[in-house]
Amino acid sequence: MSPTPTPTRPAAEAPRDLVGIGIGPFNLSLAALAQPLAELDSVFYEQRPGFDWHPGLLIDGATLQVPFLADLVTLADPASPWSFLSYLKARERLFPFYFAERFHIQRAEYDAYCRWVADSLPGLHFGHQVDAVRWNPERTLFEVDFTQLDTDGEAEALGRTYTRNIVLGVGTAPHIPEPLRPLVEAPGVPVIHAADYLKHREQFLTAEHITVIGAGQSGAEVFLDLLRNRPPGREKIHWLARTEAFAPMEYSKLGLEHFTPDYTRYFHHLTEPVRDRLVAAQWQLHKGIDADTIAAIHDELYRRTLHGGWPDAVLTPAVTVRTAGRVATTKIELHLEHVQQGARTRLTTDAVVLATGYRERPLGQILSGLDLYLRRDSSERPRIDDQFRLVLDPSVTGHVHVQNAELHTHGVGAPDLGLAAWRSATILNSLTGKDPYPLPGRTAFTTFGLDPHPQIPTARDTARTLTPLVEGR
């Protein structure tokens, strides 16, 4: 039994300017850009024992879907010592990278780069679980309660930090469709989310029949890896997708301008119903499959027809899983429905990989202490202003910024690594009341609305102005 945790920080300690909750790529970007700002006293807490970016999907050869310039800092400060090029220089790999001529780096290399930054930056506290956030009206500060964890993840000590501002970067969580949730939660059943794929890969490669569900980039990468490592003629893989096609990601030059600050500002000014409709319709901007991955899958399938016959691989889009259950002791039965035909069937398989994506982690639990101060939209989601701040009651003089929790207010760029540095710079300009990172006046050739490019909010205009509580803002 673990000893009773004891407080570690005196309550009277001077308040911080900023507490970051969560250390994924987005808050790591913020920490890297905040590091040279001497006037900003910041600290970041993360429950995990160290930086860890989608370890189950670091499949050999899998690449990022954004160029290497979409690192933690470059698009806000190309001269930063925390850029990807600085990492290569520190590792004496600049010349090999130069000759490799790669604009898109491997996922594993991006993970290694982020680890290098995380290991070098001060003020990052891993093994610290934030338990509660409250507003203290007497001190006009936020209280952040945390538990320090030992190497086994057990509570070791309790602490409290006071801060003027907070940035939430708690990331996303794997999404498990309701019909498959009981199987995922049952012990010993070979049904996993793709987030855990590499952990179970060897076991799944030996399964007689495998089913992959989900037609995004993760599903394509898992399917390709399984296909490449199963014997020709005996692949025994089903790849099922709810989407109406195994569709490529929109990657045209003008299409990519949806991931610019210009489009983000335009989207934020739209009404709530229009924004919700656009997010649903724009799935191919961020949930499609990289064209190179599609080509590699087709090449591998085609190669297996060389000596006649077809590979034992079934690729079927427009299919939903209605229900699922165990058959006998080792098999899994999926009840399927084709959304276009209206036909139903059953599929028996030995293992299932769910490439069903991720969802924003709910903020309700961590922000329960601020619930009375939160302003919400008609769907009970937090309102978020143009500087990524939660809209709070005017009595709260501090700010709570969010990272990758604003899809409903800022559009498809919210989870995109390419906007990480710009968003971090926007937040830091707001927090400091200065412009340590001047932002570009224009970033796209496209003018998304009839009005010319919306005004960029400057740090000097942010004394304490709340977004009006009108529909969709």
Protein backbone atom coordinates (compact mmCIF):
# COMPACT_ATOMS: atom_id res chain seq x y z
CA MET A 1 0.00 0.00 0.00
CA SER A 2 1.38 3.42 -0.98
CA PRO A 3 2.09 5.94 1.79
CA THR A 4 -0.28 8.89 2.13
CA PRO A 5 0.86 11.62 -0.28
CA THR A 6 2.13 14.81 1.32
CA PRO A 7 2.09 18.38 -0.05
CA THR A 8 5.24 19.41 -1.91
CA ARG A 9 4.81 23.13 -2.66
CA PRO A 10 3.96 25.78 -0.05
CA ALA A 11 0.67 27.51 -0.74
CA ALA A 12 2.28 30.95 -0.23
CA GLU A 13 4.75 30.49 -3.07
CA ALA A 14 4.73 33.26 -5.68
CA PRO A 15 2.19 32.60 -8.42
CA ARG A 16 3.20 31.55 -11.90
CA ASP A 17 2.34 33.51 -15.00
CA LEU A 18 1.37 30.33 -16.81
CA VAL A 19 0.66 26.70 -16.01
CA GLY A 20 0.42 24.31 -18.94
CA ILE A 21 -1.59 21.13 -18.42
CA GLY A 22 -0.50 18.29 -20.68
CA ILE A 23 2.75 17.96 -22.64
CA GLY A 24 1.99 16.77 -26.14
CA PRO A 25 3.35 18.43 -29.29
CA PHE A 26 1.14 21.51 -28.90
CA ASN A 27 2.06 22.44 -25.34
CA LEU A 28 5.64 21.40 -26.09
CA SER A 29 5.55 23.98 -28.89
CA LEU A 30 4.28 26.57 -26.42
CA ALA A 31 6.98 25.68 -23.90
CA ALA A 32 9.70 25.94 -26.55
CA LEU A 33 8.55 29.37 -27.71
CA ALA A 34 8.03 30.55 -24.12
CA GLN A 35 11.53 29.51 -23.03
CA PRO A 36 13.36 32.67 -24.24
CA LEU A 37 10.70 35.03 -22.78
CA ALA A 38 12.30 35.99 -19.49
CA GLU A 39 9.24 37.94 -18.35
CA LEU A 40 7.05 34.79 -18.43
CA ASP A 41 7.32 32.37 -15.51
CA SER A 42 5.81 29.12 -16.74
CA VAL A 43 5.59 25.48 -15.75
CA PHE A 44 4.06 22.47 -17.53
CA TYR A 45 2.61 19.31 -15.98
CA GLU A 46 2.11 15.91 -17.63
CA GLN A 47 0.78 12.72 -16.09
CA ARG A 48 2.90 10.37 -18.22
CA PRO A 49 6.48 9.61 -17.11
CA GLY A 50 7.96 11.11 -20.29
CA PHE A 51 7.13 12.46 -23.72
CA ASP A 52 5.28 9.85 -25.75
CA TRP A 53 3.72 10.58 -29.14
CA HIS A 54 1.44 7.85 -30.55
CA PRO A 55 3.94 5.04 -29.81
CA GLY A 56 1.58 2.35 -31.15
CA LEU A 57 1.60 3.92 -34.61
CA LEU A 58 5.31 4.50 -35.16
CA ILE A 59 5.21 1.89 -37.90
CA ASP A 60 8.44 1.52 -39.83
CA GLY A 61 8.33 3.82 -42.84
CA ALA A 62 5.18 5.73 -41.82
CA THR A 63 5.60 9.45 -42.43
CA LEU A 64 4.03 12.64 -41.13
CA GLN A 65 1.34 14.14 -43.31
CA VAL A 66 2.83 17.61 -42.91
CA PRO A 67 6.28 18.87 -44.03
CA PHE A 68 9.17 19.01 -41.57
CA LEU A 69 8.74 22.81 -41.40
CA ALA A 70 5.61 22.08 -39.34
CA ASP A 71 7.81 21.44 -36.34
CA LEU A 72 7.27 22.95 -32.89
CA VAL A 73 8.58 26.44 -33.64
CA THR A 74 9.72 27.19 -37.20
CA LEU A 75 6.54 28.78 -38.59
CA ALA A 76 6.65 31.29 -35.71
CA ASP A 77 10.42 31.59 -35.22
CA PRO A 78 12.70 30.00 -37.85
CA ALA A 79 15.75 31.01 -35.80
CA SER A 80 14.60 29.12 -32.68
CA PRO A 81 17.12 26.70 -31.15
CA TRP A 82 14.27 24.20 -30.85
CA SER A 83 13.62 23.73 -34.57
CA PHE A 84 13.83 20.40 -36.35
CA LEU A 85 16.91 21.62 -38.24
CA SER A 86 18.53 22.52 -34.91
CA TYR A 87 17.80 18.99 -33.74
CA LEU A 88 19.49 17.56 -36.85
CA LYS A 89 22.49 19.81 -36.29
CA ALA A 90 22.77 18.71 -32.66
CA ARG A 91 22.70 15.09 -33.82
CA GLU A 92 25.18 15.76 -36.65
CA ARG A 93 22.60 14.66 -39.20
CA LEU A 94 22.16 17.82 -41.26
CA PHE A 95 24.13 16.59 -44.26
CA PRO A 96 22.44 13.16 -44.41
CA PHE A 97 19.05 14.91 -44.22
CA TYR A 98 20.12 17.34 -46.94
CA PHE A 99 21.00 14.51 -49.30
CA ALA A 100 17.90 12.49 -48.37
CA GLU A 101 15.79 15.27 -49.94
CA ARG A 102 12.78 14.48 -47.77
CA PHE A 103 10.13 17.10 -47.18
CA HIS A 104 8.03 14.68 -45.11
CA ILE A 105 9.88 12.93 -42.29
CA GLN A 106 9.05 9.64 -40.63
CA ARG A 107 6.78 9.61 -37.61
CA ALA A 108 9.49 7.97 -35.53
CA GLU A 109 11.89 10.81 -36.38
CA TYR A 110 9.34 13.43 -35.38
CA ASP A 111 8.86 11.59 -32.09
CA ALA A 112 12.64 11.53 -31.52
CA TYR A 113 12.84 15.26 -32.27
CA CYS A 114 10.07 16.05 -29.76
CA ARG A 115 11.80 13.90 -27.14
CA TRP A 116 15.02 15.87 -27.71
CA VAL A 117 13.16 19.12 -27.07
CA ALA A 118 11.32 17.73 -24.05
CA ASP A 119 14.57 16.44 -22.51
CA SER A 120 16.26 19.82 -22.99
CA LEU A 121 13.63 22.35 -21.95
CA PRO A 122 13.36 23.51 -18.33
CA GLY A 123 10.01 23.75 -16.61
CA LEU A 124 8.54 20.47 -17.86
CA HIS A 125 7.33 18.21 -15.07
CA PHE A 126 6.42 14.69 -16.14
CA GLY A 127 4.83 12.28 -13.68
CA HIS A 128 2.53 15.07 -12.42
CA GLN A 129 -1.20 14.45 -12.65
CA VAL A 130 -3.36 17.57 -12.52
CA ASP A 131 -6.42 16.83 -10.39
CA ALA A 132 -8.36 20.09 -10.26
CA VAL A 133 -8.43 23.67 -11.46
CA ARG A 134 -10.28 26.37 -9.52
CA TRP A 135 -10.60 30.14 -9.55
CA ASN A 136 -9.70 31.80 -6.24
CA PRO A 137 -11.54 35.14 -6.21
CA GLU A 138 -9.78 36.35 -3.05
CA ARG A 139 -6.34 35.98 -4.61
CA THR A 140 -7.59 36.58 -8.19
CA LEU A 141 -5.57 33.53 -9.25
CA PHE A 142 -6.17 30.01 -10.49
CA GLU A 143 -5.41 27.13 -8.13
CA VAL A 144 -3.99 24.02 -9.80
CA ASP A 145 -3.91 20.90 -7.62
CA PHE A 146 -1.70 18.04 -8.75
CA THR A 147 -0.44 14.65 -7.64
CA GLN A 148 3.20 13.74 -8.13
CA LEU A 149 3.52 10.12 -9.28
CA ASP A 150 6.32 7.66 -8.70
CA THR A 151 7.86 5.46 -11.40
CA ASP A 152 5.01 2.96 -11.01
CA GLY A 153 2.37 5.64 -11.48
CA GLU A 154 1.37 5.59 -7.82
CA ALA A 155 0.67 8.77 -5.84
CA GLU A 156 3.81 10.03 -4.12
CA ALA A 157 3.05 13.61 -3.08
CA LEU A 158 0.40 16.31 -3.42
CA GLY A 159 0.97 19.87 -4.55
CA ARG A 160 -0.74 23.11 -5.46
CA THR A 161 0.35 25.86 -7.79
CA TYR A 162 -1.16 29.29 -8.15
CA THR A 163 -1.14 30.87 -11.57
CA ARG A 164 -2.47 33.86 -13.46
CA ASN A 165 -3.13 31.87 -16.63
CA ILE A 166 -3.59 28.29 -17.81
CA VAL A 167 -3.10 26.54 -21.12
CA LEU A 168 -4.87 23.21 -21.60
CA GLY A 169 -3.16 20.79 -23.96
CA VAL A 170 -4.60 17.48 -22.84
CA GLY A 171 -4.84 16.09 -26.36
CA THR A 172 -7.16 13.46 -27.73
CA ALA A 173 -8.16 9.92 -26.76
CA PRO A 174 -8.73 6.84 -28.96
CA HIS A 175 -12.34 6.55 -30.08
CA ILE A 176 -14.00 3.15 -29.64
CA PRO A 177 -17.36 2.72 -31.43
CA GLU A 178 -20.10 1.71 -29.03
CA PRO A 179 -20.83 -1.73 -30.64
CA LEU A 180 -17.21 -2.77 -30.11
CA ARG A 181 -16.62 -1.28 -26.68
CA PRO A 182 -17.51 -4.46 -24.73
CA LEU A 183 -15.01 -6.51 -26.76
CA VAL A 184 -12.21 -3.97 -26.29
CA GLU A 185 -12.81 -3.88 -22.56
CA ALA A 186 -13.02 -7.68 -22.20
CA PRO A 187 -9.72 -9.28 -21.11
CA GLY A 188 -7.97 -11.50 -23.61
CA VAL A 189 -10.11 -10.56 -26.62
CA PRO A 190 -7.93 -9.58 -29.63
CA VAL A 191 -9.78 -6.34 -30.38
CA ILE A 192 -7.56 -3.27 -30.05
CA HIS A 193 -7.46 0.34 -31.12
CA ALA A 194 -4.79 1.22 -33.65
CA ALA A 195 -3.14 3.36 -30.97
CA ASP A 196 -1.92 0.08 -29.45
CA TYR A 197 -1.08 -1.65 -32.73
CA LEU A 198 2.69 -2.04 -32.35
CA LYS A 199 2.28 -3.43 -28.85
CA HIS A 200 0.19 -6.31 -30.26
CA ARG A 201 1.62 -6.52 -33.77
CA GLU A 202 3.41 -9.88 -33.45
CA GLN A 203 0.32 -11.51 -31.97
CA PHE A 204 -1.88 -10.12 -34.73
CA LEU A 205 0.47 -11.24 -37.50
CA THR A 206 -0.07 -14.84 -36.40
CA ALA A 207 -3.88 -14.57 -36.35
CA GLU A 208 -5.57 -16.63 -39.04
CA HIS A 209 -7.88 -13.82 -40.13
CA ILE A 210 -7.65 -10.10 -39.34
CA THR A 211 -10.12 -7.28 -39.80
CA VAL A 212 -9.14 -3.61 -39.91
CA ILE A 213 -11.94 -1.11 -39.38
CA GLY A 214 -11.45 2.50 -40.42
CA ALA A 215 -10.33 4.20 -43.64
CA GLY A 216 -8.19 7.05 -42.37
CA GLN A 217 -4.41 7.24 -42.50
CA SER A 218 -3.95 4.95 -39.48
CA GLY A 219 -6.20 2.27 -40.95
CA ALA A 220 -4.31 2.42 -44.24
CA GLU A 221 -0.92 2.14 -42.53
CA VAL A 222 -2.02 -0.80 -40.38
CA PHE A 223 -3.57 -2.58 -43.38
CA LEU A 224 -0.42 -2.05 -45.46
CA ASP A 225 1.84 -3.33 -42.68
CA LEU A 226 -0.28 -6.45 -42.19
CA LEU A 227 -0.49 -7.05 -45.93
CA ARG A 228 3.25 -6.80 -46.42
CA ASN A 229 3.92 -9.29 -43.65
CA ARG A 230 1.44 -12.05 -44.52
CA PRO A 231 2.10 -14.80 -47.07
CA PRO A 232 0.87 -14.29 -50.67
CA GLY A 233 -2.41 -16.05 -51.33
CA ARG A 234 -3.07 -16.47 -47.60
CA GLU A 235 -3.37 -12.86 -46.51
CA LYS A 236 -6.86 -13.30 -45.00
CA ILE A 237 -7.46 -9.61 -44.26
CA HIS A 238 -10.67 -7.60 -44.39
CA TRP A 239 -10.48 -3.82 -44.50
CA LEU A 240 -13.81 -2.17 -43.75
CA ALA A 241 -14.68 1.52 -43.87
CA ARG A 242 -17.73 3.56 -42.97
CA THR A 243 -16.81 6.18 -45.59
CA GLU A 244 -18.12 5.67 -49.11
CA ALA A 245 -14.62 5.24 -50.52
CA PHE A 246 -11.01 4.68 -49.51
CA ALA A 247 -10.54 8.35 -50.25
CA PRO A 248 -7.32 10.30 -50.65
CA MET A 249 -6.66 13.26 -48.42
CA GLU A 250 -7.22 16.65 -50.03
CA TYR A 251 -3.65 17.74 -50.67
CA SER A 252 -3.90 20.28 -53.48
CA LYS A 253 -2.01 23.52 -52.95
CA LEU A 254 -5.14 25.63 -52.60
CA GLY A 255 -6.88 22.93 -50.60
CA LEU A 256 -4.08 23.10 -48.05
CA GLU A 257 -4.90 26.77 -47.47
CA HIS A 258 -7.64 25.52 -45.14
CA PHE A 259 -4.76 24.98 -42.71
CA THR A 260 -3.69 28.62 -42.62
CA PRO A 261 -4.32 31.33 -40.04
CA ASP A 262 -6.41 33.14 -42.67
CA TYR A 263 -8.90 30.27 -42.86
CA THR A 264 -8.89 29.81 -39.08
CA ARG A 265 -9.86 33.45 -38.56
CA TYR A 266 -12.50 33.23 -41.29
CA PHE A 267 -13.99 30.06 -39.78
CA HIS A 268 -14.10 31.57 -36.29
CA HIS A 269 -16.27 34.43 -37.54
CA LEU A 270 -18.94 32.09 -38.97
CA THR A 271 -22.11 31.23 -37.08
CA GLU A 272 -22.25 28.07 -35.02
CA PRO A 273 -24.61 26.12 -37.35
CA VAL A 274 -22.43 26.89 -40.38
CA ARG A 275 -19.27 25.86 -38.56
CA ASP A 276 -20.80 22.56 -37.49
CA ARG A 277 -21.90 21.82 -41.05
CA LEU A 278 -18.46 22.64 -42.45
CA VAL A 279 -16.55 20.45 -39.96
CA ALA A 280 -18.68 17.44 -40.91
CA ALA A 281 -18.32 18.10 -44.63
CA GLN A 282 -14.56 18.70 -44.60
CA TRP A 283 -13.53 15.27 -43.34
CA GLN A 284 -11.39 14.63 -46.41
CA LEU A 285 -9.17 17.56 -45.50
CA HIS A 286 -7.86 15.75 -42.44
CA LYS A 287 -9.29 12.21 -42.35
CA GLY A 288 -8.41 10.94 -45.82
CA ILE A 289 -5.44 8.78 -46.77
CA ASP A 290 -2.12 10.07 -48.04
CA ALA A 291 -1.89 9.41 -51.80
CA ASP A 292 1.50 7.70 -51.44
CA THR A 293 0.04 5.24 -48.92
CA ILE A 294 -2.85 4.45 -51.25
CA ALA A 295 -0.37 3.89 -54.07
CA ALA A 296 1.76 1.62 -51.87
CA ILE A 297 -1.30 -0.48 -50.97
CA HIS A 298 -2.29 -0.84 -54.60
CA ASP A 299 1.30 -1.71 -55.59
CA GLU A 300 1.44 -4.42 -52.93
CA LEU A 301 -1.90 -5.89 -53.98
CA TYR A 302 -0.91 -5.77 -57.64
CA ARG A 303 2.44 -7.45 -56.93
CA ARG A 304 0.56 -10.38 -55.44
CA THR A 305 -1.26 -11.01 -58.73
CA LEU A 306 2.02 -11.60 -60.58
CA HIS A 307 1.61 -15.37 -60.80
CA GLY A 308 -2.15 -15.32 -61.31
CA GLY A 309 -4.98 -15.21 -58.84
CA TRP A 310 -5.98 -12.47 -56.47
CA PRO A 311 -4.72 -11.78 -52.93
CA ASP A 312 -7.04 -12.97 -50.18
CA ALA A 313 -7.75 -9.41 -49.09
CA VAL A 314 -11.20 -7.80 -49.08
CA LEU A 315 -11.49 -4.01 -49.13
CA THR A 316 -15.06 -2.80 -48.61
CA PRO A 317 -16.14 0.81 -48.03
CA ALA A 318 -19.60 2.08 -47.02
CA VAL A 319 -19.94 -0.53 -44.25
CA THR A 320 -20.95 -0.01 -40.63
CA VAL A 321 -20.64 -2.40 -37.70
CA ARG A 322 -24.07 -2.78 -36.13
CA THR A 323 -23.16 -5.17 -33.33
CA ALA A 324 -20.29 -7.47 -32.41
CA GLY A 325 -19.72 -10.42 -30.11
CA ARG A 326 -17.78 -13.58 -29.34
CA VAL A 327 -18.36 -16.86 -31.19
CA ALA A 328 -17.32 -20.00 -29.30
CA THR A 329 -14.15 -19.08 -27.40
CA THR A 330 -11.74 -17.68 -29.97
CA LYS A 331 -13.70 -16.07 -32.79
CA ILE A 332 -15.23 -12.61 -33.14
CA GLU A 333 -18.43 -12.03 -35.10
CA LEU A 334 -19.15 -8.66 -36.65
CA HIS A 335 -22.67 -7.83 -37.81
CA LEU A 336 -22.29 -5.53 -40.81
CA GLU A 337 -24.60 -3.31 -42.82
CA HIS A 338 -23.84 -1.79 -46.21
CA VAL A 339 -25.12 1.78 -46.11
CA GLN A 340 -25.75 2.01 -49.87
CA GLN A 341 -27.27 -1.41 -50.52
CA GLY A 342 -29.07 -1.71 -47.21
CA ALA A 343 -27.81 -5.31 -47.10
CA ARG A 344 -26.66 -7.03 -43.92
CA THR A 345 -24.21 -9.85 -43.31
CA ARG A 346 -21.92 -11.38 -40.69
CA LEU A 347 -18.15 -11.61 -40.70
CA THR A 348 -16.22 -14.03 -38.52
CA THR A 349 -12.66 -13.02 -37.75
CA ASP A 350 -9.86 -13.79 -35.29
CA ALA A 351 -8.60 -10.28 -34.53
CA VAL A 352 -9.78 -6.70 -35.04
CA VAL A 353 -7.81 -3.46 -35.27
CA LEU A 354 -9.95 -0.36 -34.78
CA ALA A 355 -8.53 2.54 -36.77
CA THR A 356 -11.51 4.60 -35.70
CA GLY A 357 -9.70 7.81 -34.92
CA TYR A 358 -9.48 10.03 -31.88
CA ARG A 359 -11.76 12.46 -30.10
CA GLU A 360 -10.94 15.56 -28.09
CA ARG A 361 -10.61 14.65 -24.43
CA PRO A 362 -13.59 16.11 -22.55
CA LEU A 363 -12.64 19.17 -20.53
CA GLY A 364 -15.55 18.81 -18.13
CA GLN A 365 -13.72 16.85 -15.43
CA ILE A 366 -10.60 18.96 -15.26
CA LEU A 367 -12.60 22.19 -15.50
CA SER A 368 -15.40 21.19 -13.16
CA GLY A 369 -14.15 23.76 -10.66
CA LEU A 370 -14.69 26.47 -13.28
CA ASP A 371 -18.04 25.24 -14.52
CA LEU A 372 -20.01 28.18 -13.08
CA TYR A 373 -17.76 30.61 -14.93
CA LEU A 374 -17.79 28.91 -18.34
CA ARG A 375 -19.79 30.33 -21.22
CA ARG A 376 -21.16 27.69 -23.61
CA ASP A 377 -22.71 27.53 -27.06
CA SER A 378 -26.10 26.06 -27.96
CA SER A 379 -24.59 22.54 -27.94
CA GLU A 380 -23.11 23.05 -24.45
CA ARG A 381 -19.56 23.26 -25.80
CA PRO A 382 -17.15 25.86 -24.39
CA ARG A 383 -17.05 29.14 -26.27
CA ILE A 384 -13.52 29.97 -27.37
CA ASP A 385 -12.43 33.40 -28.56
CA ASP A 386 -10.07 34.33 -31.38
CA GLN A 387 -7.02 34.05 -29.14
CA PHE A 388 -7.85 30.49 -28.08
CA ARG A 389 -9.20 31.54 -24.68
CA LEU A 390 -12.22 30.02 -23.02
CA VAL A 391 -14.89 32.67 -22.66
CA LEU A 392 -15.36 33.02 -18.91
CA ASP A 393 -17.43 35.22 -16.65
CA PRO A 394 -15.96 38.76 -16.47
CA SER A 395 -15.25 38.26 -12.76
CA VAL A 396 -12.44 35.87 -13.73
CA THR A 397 -9.51 38.07 -14.62
CA GLY A 398 -7.18 35.24 -15.61
CA HIS A 399 -7.25 33.37 -18.91
CA VAL A 400 -7.60 29.69 -19.82
CA HIS A 401 -6.24 29.01 -23.30
CA VAL A 402 -6.83 25.72 -25.11
CA GLN A 403 -4.81 23.73 -27.63
CA ASN A 404 -6.54 21.22 -29.96
CA ALA A 405 -9.87 21.58 -28.19
CA GLU A 406 -11.32 24.16 -30.57
CA LEU A 407 -12.38 22.20 -33.64
CA HIS A 408 -15.94 23.49 -33.24
CA THR A 409 -14.83 27.14 -33.15
CA HIS A 410 -11.63 27.25 -35.23
CA GLY A 411 -12.07 24.49 -37.81
CA VAL A 412 -10.04 21.66 -39.28
CA GLY A 413 -6.70 23.25 -38.45
CA ALA A 414 -7.19 22.68 -34.71
CA PRO A 415 -5.43 19.26 -34.63
CA ASP A 416 -2.99 20.07 -37.45
CA LEU A 417 0.69 20.19 -36.53
CA GLY A 418 1.25 22.89 -39.14
CA LEU A 419 -0.64 25.46 -37.05
CA ALA A 420 1.00 24.55 -33.73
CA ALA A 421 3.68 27.25 -33.76
CA TRP A 422 1.30 29.97 -34.97
CA ARG A 423 -1.27 29.15 -32.28
CA SER A 424 1.46 29.07 -29.61
CA ALA A 425 2.72 32.45 -30.80
CA THR A 426 -0.82 33.84 -30.69
CA ILE A 427 -1.22 32.65 -27.11
CA LEU A 428 2.17 34.03 -26.01
CA ASN A 429 1.53 37.40 -27.63
CA SER A 430 -1.75 37.55 -25.73
CA LEU A 431 -0.21 36.52 -22.41
CA THR A 432 2.71 38.95 -22.54
CA GLY A 433 0.75 41.91 -23.90
CA LYS A 434 3.55 42.36 -26.42
CA ASP A 435 4.42 40.90 -29.81
CA PRO A 436 7.45 38.70 -29.13
CA TYR A 437 6.38 36.70 -32.17
CA PRO A 438 5.02 39.01 -34.88
CA LEU A 439 2.31 37.23 -36.84
CA PRO A 440 1.95 37.41 -40.63
CA GLY A 441 -0.73 39.69 -42.03
CA ARG A 442 -1.69 37.25 -44.76
CA THR A 443 -1.07 33.52 -45.20
CA ALA A 444 -3.29 32.36 -48.08
CA PHE A 445 -3.94 33.30 -51.70
CA THR A 446 -7.58 32.41 -51.15
CA THR A 447 -9.92 35.06 -49.77
CA PHE A 448 -12.41 32.87 -47.95
CA GLY A 449 -15.18 35.42 -47.47
CA LEU A 450 -16.48 38.56 -49.14
CA ASP A 451 -14.71 40.65 -46.53
CA PRO A 452 -10.96 40.98 -46.99
CA HIS A 453 -8.70 39.24 -44.52
CA PRO A 454 -10.01 39.59 -40.94
CA GLN A 455 -8.00 41.81 -38.62
CA ILE A 456 -5.28 39.99 -36.70
CA PRO A 457 -5.77 40.59 -32.97
CA THR A 458 -2.69 42.27 -31.52
CA ALA A 459 -1.36 41.64 -28.05
CA ARG A 460 -1.93 45.27 -27.11
CA ASP A 461 -5.66 44.90 -27.71
CA THR A 462 -6.09 42.07 -25.23
CA ALA A 463 -6.39 43.87 -21.88
CA ARG A 464 -9.57 42.01 -21.03
CA THR A 465 -12.10 41.97 -23.80
CA LEU A 466 -14.55 39.10 -23.93
CA THR A 467 -16.08 37.87 -27.16
CA PRO A 468 -19.73 39.00 -27.26
CA LEU A 469 -22.10 36.25 -26.26
CA VAL A 470 -23.94 36.02 -29.56
CA GLU A 471 -24.90 32.93 -31.50
CA GLY A 472 -21.90 30.94 -32.71
CA ARG A 473 -19.19 32.93 -30.93
